[in-house]
Amino acid sequence: MSEAKWIRLISTEDEIRASLIASALHQQDIPAVEINKKDTAYVFLGSVYVLVPESLLERSRKVLIDEKIVEEDAFDDE
């Protein structure tokens, strides 16, 4: 069985926003994980990333835009 490749959907400095985004995806049966890269001593430094399986990247973007959770230009494009 092959493992899914996870890809960064969005990054934010706001941990609550990242949780809301991940929760909205979970409600649509899209797996999402939050990776907190914020500095523990200086919490204003760093970001929180929301990752989704690469195969669900476009669906994830569409869900967040359609639900008006994020703007179209909010995504991390690599």
PDB file of N, CA and C in Angstrom:
ATOM      1  N   MET A   1       0.854  -1.180   0.000  1.00  0.00           N
ATOM      2  CA  MET A   1       0.000   0.000   0.000  1.00  0.00           C
ATOM      3  C   MET A   1       0.893   1.234   0.000  1.00  0.00           C
ATOM      4  N   SER A   2       0.625   2.157  -0.903  1.00  0.00           N
ATOM      5  CA  SER A   2       1.476   3.344  -0.978  1.00  0.00           C
ATOM      6  C   SER A   2       0.984   4.417  -0.009  1.00  0.00           C
ATOM      7  N   GLU A   3       1.935   5.147   0.509  1.00  0.00           N
ATOM      8  CA  GLU A   3       1.624   6.224   1.446  1.00  0.00           C
ATOM      9  C   GLU A   3       1.268   7.486   0.672  1.00  0.00           C
ATOM     10  N   ALA A   4       0.322   8.248   1.181  1.00  0.00           N
ATOM     11  CA  ALA A   4      -0.053   9.507   0.548  1.00  0.00           C
ATOM     12  C   ALA A   4       1.054  10.531   0.768  1.00  0.00           C
ATOM     13  N   LYS A   5       1.304  11.327  -0.250  1.00  0.00           N
ATOM     14  CA  LYS A   5       2.261  12.420  -0.116  1.00  0.00           C
ATOM     15  C   LYS A   5       1.489  13.640   0.396  1.00  0.00           C
ATOM     16  N   TRP A   6       1.940  14.175   1.516  1.00  0.00           N
ATOM     17  CA  TRP A   6       1.288  15.347   2.109  1.00  0.00           C
ATOM     18  C   TRP A   6       1.963  16.608   1.592  1.00  0.00           C
ATOM     19  N   ILE A   7       1.152  17.609   1.318  1.00  0.00           N
ATOM     20  CA  ILE A   7       1.654  18.855   0.755  1.00  0.00           C
ATOM     21  C   ILE A   7       1.052  20.032   1.519  1.00  0.00           C
ATOM     22  N   ARG A   8       1.828  21.113   1.626  1.00  0.00           N
ATOM     23  CA  ARG A   8       1.366  22.287   2.358  1.00  0.00           C
ATOM     24  C   ARG A   8       0.299  23.017   1.553  1.00  0.00           C
ATOM     25  N   LEU A   9      -0.848  23.177   2.169  1.00  0.00           N
ATOM     26  CA  LEU A   9      -1.971  23.894   1.563  1.00  0.00           C
ATOM     27  C   LEU A   9      -1.864  25.378   1.860  1.00  0.00           C
ATOM     28  N   ILE A  10      -1.599  25.686   3.118  1.00  0.00           N
ATOM     29  CA  ILE A  10      -1.602  27.085   3.546  1.00  0.00           C
ATOM     30  C   ILE A  10      -0.724  27.233   4.782  1.00  0.00           C
ATOM     31  N   SER A  11      -0.179  28.411   4.971  1.00  0.00           N
ATOM     32  CA  SER A  11       0.549  28.716   6.202  1.00  0.00           C
ATOM     33  C   SER A  11      -0.011  30.006   6.777  1.00  0.00           C
ATOM     34  N   THR A  12       0.019  30.088   8.090  1.00  0.00           N
ATOM     35  CA  THR A  12      -0.503  31.255   8.784  1.00  0.00           C
ATOM     36  C   THR A  12       0.254  31.430  10.089  1.00  0.00           C
ATOM     37  N   GLU A  13       0.259  32.633  10.593  1.00  0.00           N
ATOM     38  CA  GLU A  13       0.856  32.877  11.900  1.00  0.00           C
ATOM     39  C   GLU A  13      -0.155  32.653  13.017  1.00  0.00           C
ATOM     40  N   ASP A  14      -1.414  32.497  12.658  1.00  0.00           N
ATOM     41  CA  ASP A  14      -2.513  32.380  13.614  1.00  0.00           C
ATOM     42  C   ASP A  14      -2.901  30.908  13.816  1.00  0.00           C
ATOM     43  N   GLU A  15      -2.621  30.376  15.002  1.00  0.00           N
ATOM     44  CA  GLU A  15      -2.910  28.975  15.297  1.00  0.00           C
ATOM     45  C   GLU A  15      -4.410  28.673  15.235  1.00  0.00           C
ATOM     46  N   ILE A  16      -5.234  29.612  15.655  1.00  0.00           N
ATOM     47  CA  ILE A  16      -6.685  29.407  15.634  1.00  0.00           C
ATOM     48  C   ILE A  16      -7.185  29.329  14.194  1.00  0.00           C
ATOM     49  N   ARG A  17      -6.663  30.183  13.330  1.00  0.00           N
ATOM     50  CA  ARG A  17      -7.059  30.150  11.920  1.00  0.00           C
ATOM     51  C   ARG A  17      -6.681  28.802  11.298  1.00  0.00           C
ATOM     52  N   ALA A  18      -5.502  28.311  11.600  1.00  0.00           N
ATOM     53  CA  ALA A  18      -5.077  27.009  11.079  1.00  0.00           C
ATOM     54  C   ALA A  18      -6.023  25.906  11.557  1.00  0.00           C
ATOM     55  N   SER A  19      -6.433  25.966  12.811  1.00  0.00           N
ATOM     56  CA  SER A  19      -7.371  24.964  13.348  1.00  0.00           C
ATOM     57  C   SER A  19      -8.725  25.042  12.669  1.00  0.00           C
ATOM     58  N   LEU A  20      -9.195  26.247  12.398  1.00  0.00           N
ATOM     59  CA  LEU A  20     -10.479  26.419  11.713  1.00  0.00           C
ATOM     60  C   LEU A  20     -10.419  25.879  10.289  1.00  0.00           C
ATOM     61  N   ILE A  21      -9.309  26.115   9.612  1.00  0.00           N
ATOM     62  CA  ILE A  21      -9.133  25.609   8.249  1.00  0.00           C
ATOM     63  C   ILE A  21      -9.119  24.080   8.253  1.00  0.00           C
ATOM     64  N   ALA A  22      -8.341  23.490   9.147  1.00  0.00           N
ATOM     65  CA  ALA A  22      -8.274  22.035   9.231  1.00  0.00           C
ATOM     66  C   ALA A  22      -9.639  21.450   9.583  1.00  0.00           C
ATOM     67  N   SER A  23     -10.361  22.085  10.478  1.00  0.00           N
ATOM     68  CA  SER A  23     -11.683  21.614  10.876  1.00  0.00           C
ATOM     69  C   SER A  23     -12.659  21.663   9.703  1.00  0.00           C
ATOM     70  N   ALA A  24     -12.626  22.732   8.929  1.00  0.00           N
ATOM     71  CA  ALA A  24     -13.509  22.848   7.767  1.00  0.00           C
ATOM     72  C   ALA A  24     -13.221  21.738   6.760  1.00  0.00           C
ATOM     73  N   LEU A  25     -11.953  21.397   6.592  1.00  0.00           N
ATOM     74  CA  LEU A  25     -11.594  20.309   5.683  1.00  0.00           C
ATOM     75  C   LEU A  25     -12.061  18.965   6.224  1.00  0.00           C
ATOM     76  N   HIS A  26     -11.893  18.748   7.521  1.00  0.00           N
ATOM     77  CA  HIS A  26     -12.348  17.491   8.132  1.00  0.00           C
ATOM     78  C   HIS A  26     -13.852  17.302   7.944  1.00  0.00           C
ATOM     79  N   GLN A  27     -14.611  18.403   8.030  1.00  0.00           N
ATOM     80  CA  GLN A  27     -16.061  18.314   7.855  1.00  0.00           C
ATOM     81  C   GLN A  27     -16.438  17.862   6.446  1.00  0.00           C
ATOM     82  N   GLN A  28     -15.539  18.068   5.505  1.00  0.00           N
ATOM     83  CA  GLN A  28     -15.767  17.637   4.123  1.00  0.00           C
ATOM     84  C   GLN A  28     -15.054  16.316   3.823  1.00  0.00           C
ATOM     85  N   ASP A  29     -14.663  15.609   4.887  1.00  0.00           N
ATOM     86  CA  ASP A  29     -13.965  14.315   4.765  1.00  0.00           C
ATOM     87  C   ASP A  29     -12.640  14.419   4.027  1.00  0.00           C
ATOM     88  N   ILE A  30     -11.968  15.545   4.216  1.00  0.00           N
ATOM     89  CA  ILE A  30     -10.629  15.747   3.673  1.00  0.00           C
ATOM     90  C   ILE A  30      -9.656  15.693   4.840  1.00  0.00           C
ATOM     91  N   PRO A  31      -8.736  14.735   4.844  1.00  0.00           N
ATOM     92  CA  PRO A  31      -7.764  14.687   5.939  1.00  0.00           C
ATOM     93  C   PRO A  31      -6.845  15.897   5.889  1.00  0.00           C
ATOM     94  N   ALA A  32      -6.585  16.472   7.035  1.00  0.00           N
ATOM     95  CA  ALA A  32      -5.702  17.637   7.135  1.00  0.00           C
ATOM     96  C   ALA A  32      -4.973  17.572   8.465  1.00  0.00           C
ATOM     97  N   VAL A  33      -3.729  18.011   8.457  1.00  0.00           N
ATOM     98  CA  VAL A  33      -2.949  18.074   9.687  1.00  0.00           C
ATOM     99  C   VAL A  33      -2.343  19.456   9.822  1.00  0.00           C
ATOM    100  N   GLU A  34      -2.157  19.858  11.068  1.00  0.00           N
ATOM    101  CA  GLU A  34      -1.521  21.128  11.369  1.00  0.00           C
ATOM    102  C   GLU A  34      -0.110  20.851  11.875  1.00  0.00           C
ATOM    103  N   ILE A  35       0.844  21.569  11.336  1.00  0.00           N
ATOM    104  CA  ILE A  35       2.227  21.475  11.789  1.00  0.00           C
ATOM    105  C   ILE A  35       2.599  22.843  12.343  1.00  0.00           C
ATOM    106  N   ASN A  36       2.855  22.876  13.646  1.00  0.00           N
ATOM    107  CA  ASN A  36       3.159  24.137  14.314  1.00  0.00           C
ATOM    108  C   ASN A  36       4.674  24.344  14.340  1.00  0.00           C
ATOM    109  N   LYS A  37       5.145  25.333  13.598  1.00  0.00           N
ATOM    110  CA  LYS A  37       6.568  25.661  13.538  1.00  0.00           C
ATOM    111  C   LYS A  37       6.856  26.984  14.248  1.00  0.00           C
ATOM    112  N   LYS A  38       5.963  27.362  15.154  1.00  0.00           N
ATOM    113  CA  LYS A  38       6.160  28.600  15.909  1.00  0.00           C
ATOM    114  C   LYS A  38       7.221  28.376  16.988  1.00  0.00           C
ATOM    115  N   ASP A  39       8.002  29.384  17.218  1.00  0.00           N
ATOM    116  CA  ASP A  39       9.032  29.338  18.256  1.00  0.00           C
ATOM    117  C   ASP A  39       8.343  29.292  19.616  1.00  0.00           C
ATOM    118  N   THR A  40       8.790  28.414  20.492  1.00  0.00           N
ATOM    119  CA  THR A  40       8.141  28.292  21.799  1.00  0.00           C
ATOM    120  C   THR A  40       8.484  29.450  22.729  1.00  0.00           C
ATOM    121  N   ALA A  41       9.632  30.066  22.539  1.00  0.00           N
ATOM    122  CA  ALA A  41      10.015  31.191  23.392  1.00  0.00           C
ATOM    123  C   ALA A  41       9.464  32.511  22.867  1.00  0.00           C
ATOM    124  N   TYR A  42       9.392  32.639  21.550  1.00  0.00           N
ATOM    125  CA  TYR A  42       8.905  33.863  20.914  1.00  0.00           C
ATOM    126  C   TYR A  42       7.750  33.483  19.996  1.00  0.00           C
ATOM    127  N   VAL A  43       6.560  33.373  20.552  1.00  0.00           N
ATOM    128  CA  VAL A  43       5.422  32.836  19.809  1.00  0.00           C
ATOM    129  C   VAL A  43       5.000  33.700  18.623  1.00  0.00           C
ATOM    130  N   PHE A  44       5.525  34.903  18.534  1.00  0.00           N
ATOM    131  CA  PHE A  44       5.199  35.738  17.389  1.00  0.00           C
ATOM    132  C   PHE A  44       6.092  35.409  16.198  1.00  0.00           C
ATOM    133  N   LEU A  45       7.042  34.504  16.371  1.00  0.00           N
ATOM    134  CA  LEU A  45       7.914  34.068  15.284  1.00  0.00           C
ATOM    135  C   LEU A  45       7.489  32.690  14.802  1.00  0.00           C
ATOM    136  N   GLY A  46       7.451  32.522  13.500  1.00  0.00           N
ATOM    137  CA  GLY A  46       7.127  31.217  12.938  1.00  0.00           C
ATOM    138  C   GLY A  46       5.716  31.145  12.398  1.00  0.00           C
ATOM    139  N   SER A  47       5.395  29.988  11.852  1.00  0.00           N
ATOM    140  CA  SER A  47       4.099  29.782  11.206  1.00  0.00           C
ATOM    141  C   SER A  47       3.514  28.434  11.586  1.00  0.00           C
ATOM    142  N   VAL A  48       2.234  28.301  11.308  1.00  0.00           N
ATOM    143  CA  VAL A  48       1.532  27.032  11.434  1.00  0.00           C
ATOM    144  C   VAL A  48       1.124  26.644  10.017  1.00  0.00           C
ATOM    145  N   TYR A  49       1.450  25.406   9.632  1.00  0.00           N
ATOM    146  CA  TYR A  49       1.137  24.919   8.294  1.00  0.00           C
ATOM    147  C   TYR A  49      -0.021  23.940   8.357  1.00  0.00           C
ATOM    148  N   VAL A  50      -0.886  24.009   7.349  1.00  0.00           N
ATOM    149  CA  VAL A  50      -1.948  23.024   7.191  1.00  0.00           C
ATOM    150  C   VAL A  50      -1.586  22.193   5.965  1.00  0.00           C
ATOM    151  N   LEU A  51      -1.462  20.884   6.177  1.00  0.00           N
ATOM    152  CA  LEU A  51      -1.085  19.955   5.114  1.00  0.00           C
ATOM    153  C   LEU A  51      -2.260  19.058   4.765  1.00  0.00           C
ATOM    154  N   VAL A  52      -2.349  18.718   3.472  1.00  0.00           N
ATOM    155  CA  VAL A  52      -3.367  17.795   2.975  1.00  0.00           C
ATOM    156  C   VAL A  52      -2.686  16.811   2.027  1.00  0.00           C
ATOM    157  N   PRO A  53      -3.311  15.671   1.774  1.00  0.00           N
ATOM    158  CA  PRO A  53      -2.744  14.764   0.771  1.00  0.00           C
ATOM    159  C   PRO A  53      -2.694  15.472  -0.593  1.00  0.00           C
ATOM    160  N   GLU A  54      -1.601  15.257  -1.295  1.00  0.00           N
ATOM    161  CA  GLU A  54      -1.412  15.931  -2.584  1.00  0.00           C
ATOM    162  C   GLU A  54      -2.581  15.691  -3.531  1.00  0.00           C
ATOM    163  N   SER A  55      -3.142  14.494  -3.493  1.00  0.00           N
ATOM    164  CA  SER A  55      -4.251  14.156  -4.391  1.00  0.00           C
ATOM    165  C   SER A  55      -5.518  14.959  -4.092  1.00  0.00           C
ATOM    166  N   LEU A  56      -5.593  15.566  -2.908  1.00  0.00           N
ATOM    167  CA  LEU A  56      -6.785  16.343  -2.518  1.00  0.00           C
ATOM    168  C   LEU A  56      -6.523  17.842  -2.452  1.00  0.00           C
ATOM    169  N   LEU A  57      -5.388  18.276  -2.971  1.00  0.00           N
ATOM    170  CA  LEU A  57      -5.019  19.691  -2.881  1.00  0.00           C
ATOM    171  C   LEU A  57      -6.045  20.599  -3.556  1.00  0.00           C
ATOM    172  N   GLU A  58      -6.396  20.313  -4.787  1.00  0.00           N
ATOM    173  CA  GLU A  58      -7.335  21.186  -5.508  1.00  0.00           C
ATOM    174  C   GLU A  58      -8.724  21.154  -4.875  1.00  0.00           C
ATOM    175  N   ARG A  59      -9.160  19.989  -4.447  1.00  0.00           N
ATOM    176  CA  ARG A  59     -10.472  19.893  -3.773  1.00  0.00           C
ATOM    177  C   ARG A  59     -10.459  20.706  -2.485  1.00  0.00           C
ATOM    178  N   SER A  60      -9.353  20.649  -1.747  1.00  0.00           N
ATOM    179  CA  SER A  60      -9.226  21.397  -0.497  1.00  0.00           C
ATOM    180  C   SER A  60      -9.328  22.891  -0.749  1.00  0.00           C
ATOM    181  N   ARG A  61      -8.620  23.356  -1.764  1.00  0.00           N
ATOM    182  CA  ARG A  61      -8.679  24.786  -2.118  1.00  0.00           C
ATOM    183  C   ARG A  61     -10.101  25.200  -2.473  1.00  0.00           C
ATOM    184  N   LYS A  62     -10.766  24.383  -3.278  1.00  0.00           N
ATOM    185  CA  LYS A  62     -12.130  24.707  -3.696  1.00  0.00           C
ATOM    186  C   LYS A  62     -13.072  24.786  -2.497  1.00  0.00           C
ATOM    187  N   VAL A  63     -12.960  23.841  -1.579  1.00  0.00           N
ATOM    188  CA  VAL A  63     -13.816  23.842  -0.387  1.00  0.00           C
ATOM    189  C   VAL A  63     -13.613  25.132   0.406  1.00  0.00           C
ATOM    190  N   LEU A  64     -12.378  25.510   0.644  1.00  0.00           N
ATOM    191  CA  LEU A  64     -12.097  26.697   1.454  1.00  0.00           C
ATOM    192  C   LEU A  64     -12.547  27.984   0.768  1.00  0.00           C
ATOM    193  N   ILE A  65     -12.420  28.040  -0.547  1.00  0.00           N
ATOM    194  CA  ILE A  65     -12.876  29.226  -1.282  1.00  0.00           C
ATOM    195  C   ILE A  65     -14.399  29.267  -1.319  1.00  0.00           C
ATOM    196  N   ASP A  66     -15.038  28.128  -1.651  1.00  0.00           N
ATOM    197  CA  ASP A  66     -16.499  28.075  -1.735  1.00  0.00           C
ATOM    198  C   ASP A  66     -17.163  28.395  -0.396  1.00  0.00           C
ATOM    199  N   GLU A  67     -16.541  27.963   0.696  1.00  0.00           N
ATOM    200  CA  GLU A  67     -17.090  28.229   2.028  1.00  0.00           C
ATOM    201  C   GLU A  67     -16.694  29.618   2.551  1.00  0.00           C
ATOM    202  N   LYS A  68     -15.943  30.350   1.720  1.00  0.00           N
ATOM    203  CA  LYS A  68     -15.492  31.714   2.070  1.00  0.00           C
ATOM    204  C   LYS A  68     -14.651  31.738   3.350  1.00  0.00           C
ATOM    205  N   ILE A  69     -13.842  30.703   3.511  1.00  0.00           N
ATOM    206  CA  ILE A  69     -12.947  30.619   4.664  1.00  0.00           C
ATOM    207  C   ILE A  69     -11.642  31.345   4.366  1.00  0.00           C
ATOM    208  N   VAL A  70     -11.218  31.273   3.103  1.00  0.00           N
ATOM    209  CA  VAL A  70     -10.015  31.987   2.668  1.00  0.00           C
ATOM    210  C   VAL A  70     -10.263  32.616   1.305  1.00  0.00           C
ATOM    211  N   GLU A  71      -9.429  33.590   0.965  1.00  0.00           N
ATOM    212  CA  GLU A  71      -9.460  34.200  -0.357  1.00  0.00           C
ATOM    213  C   GLU A  71      -8.629  33.338  -1.309  1.00  0.00           C
ATOM    214  N   GLU A  72      -8.839  33.499  -2.592  1.00  0.00           N
ATOM    215  CA  GLU A  72      -8.125  32.701  -3.582  1.00  0.00           C
ATOM    216  C   GLU A  72      -6.617  32.884  -3.517  1.00  0.00           C
ATOM    217  N   ASP A  73      -6.151  34.057  -3.123  1.00  0.00           N
ATOM    218  CA  ASP A  73      -4.709  34.332  -3.101  1.00  0.00           C
ATOM    219  C   ASP A  73      -4.050  33.932  -1.773  1.00  0.00           C
ATOM    220  N   ALA A  74      -4.760  33.225  -0.909  1.00  0.00           N
ATOM    221  CA  ALA A  74      -4.240  32.882   0.409  1.00  0.00           C
ATOM    222  C   ALA A  74      -3.372  31.633   0.409  1.00  0.00           C
ATOM    223  N   PHE A  75      -3.341  30.899  -0.694  1.00  0.00           N
ATOM    224  CA  PHE A  75      -2.661  29.603  -0.694  1.00  0.00           C
ATOM    225  C   PHE A  75      -1.175  29.725  -0.955  1.00  0.00           C
ATOM    226  N   ASP A  76      -0.427  28.764  -0.420  1.00  0.00           N
ATOM    227  CA  ASP A  76       1.013  28.669  -0.645  1.00  0.00           C
ATOM    228  C   ASP A  76       1.220  27.996  -1.992  1.00  0.00           C
ATOM    229  N   ASP A  77       1.761  28.727  -2.933  1.00  0.00           N
ATOM    230  CA  ASP A  77       2.072  28.131  -4.232  1.00  0.00           C
ATOM    231  C   ASP A  77       3.571  27.940  -4.331  1.00  0.00           C
ATOM    232  N   GLU A  78       3.952  26.694  -4.556  1.00  0.00           N
ATOM    233  CA  GLU A  78       5.372  26.373  -4.635  1.00  0.00           C
ATOM    234  C   GLU A  78       5.752  26.052  -6.045  1.00  0.00           C
TER     235      GLU A  78
END
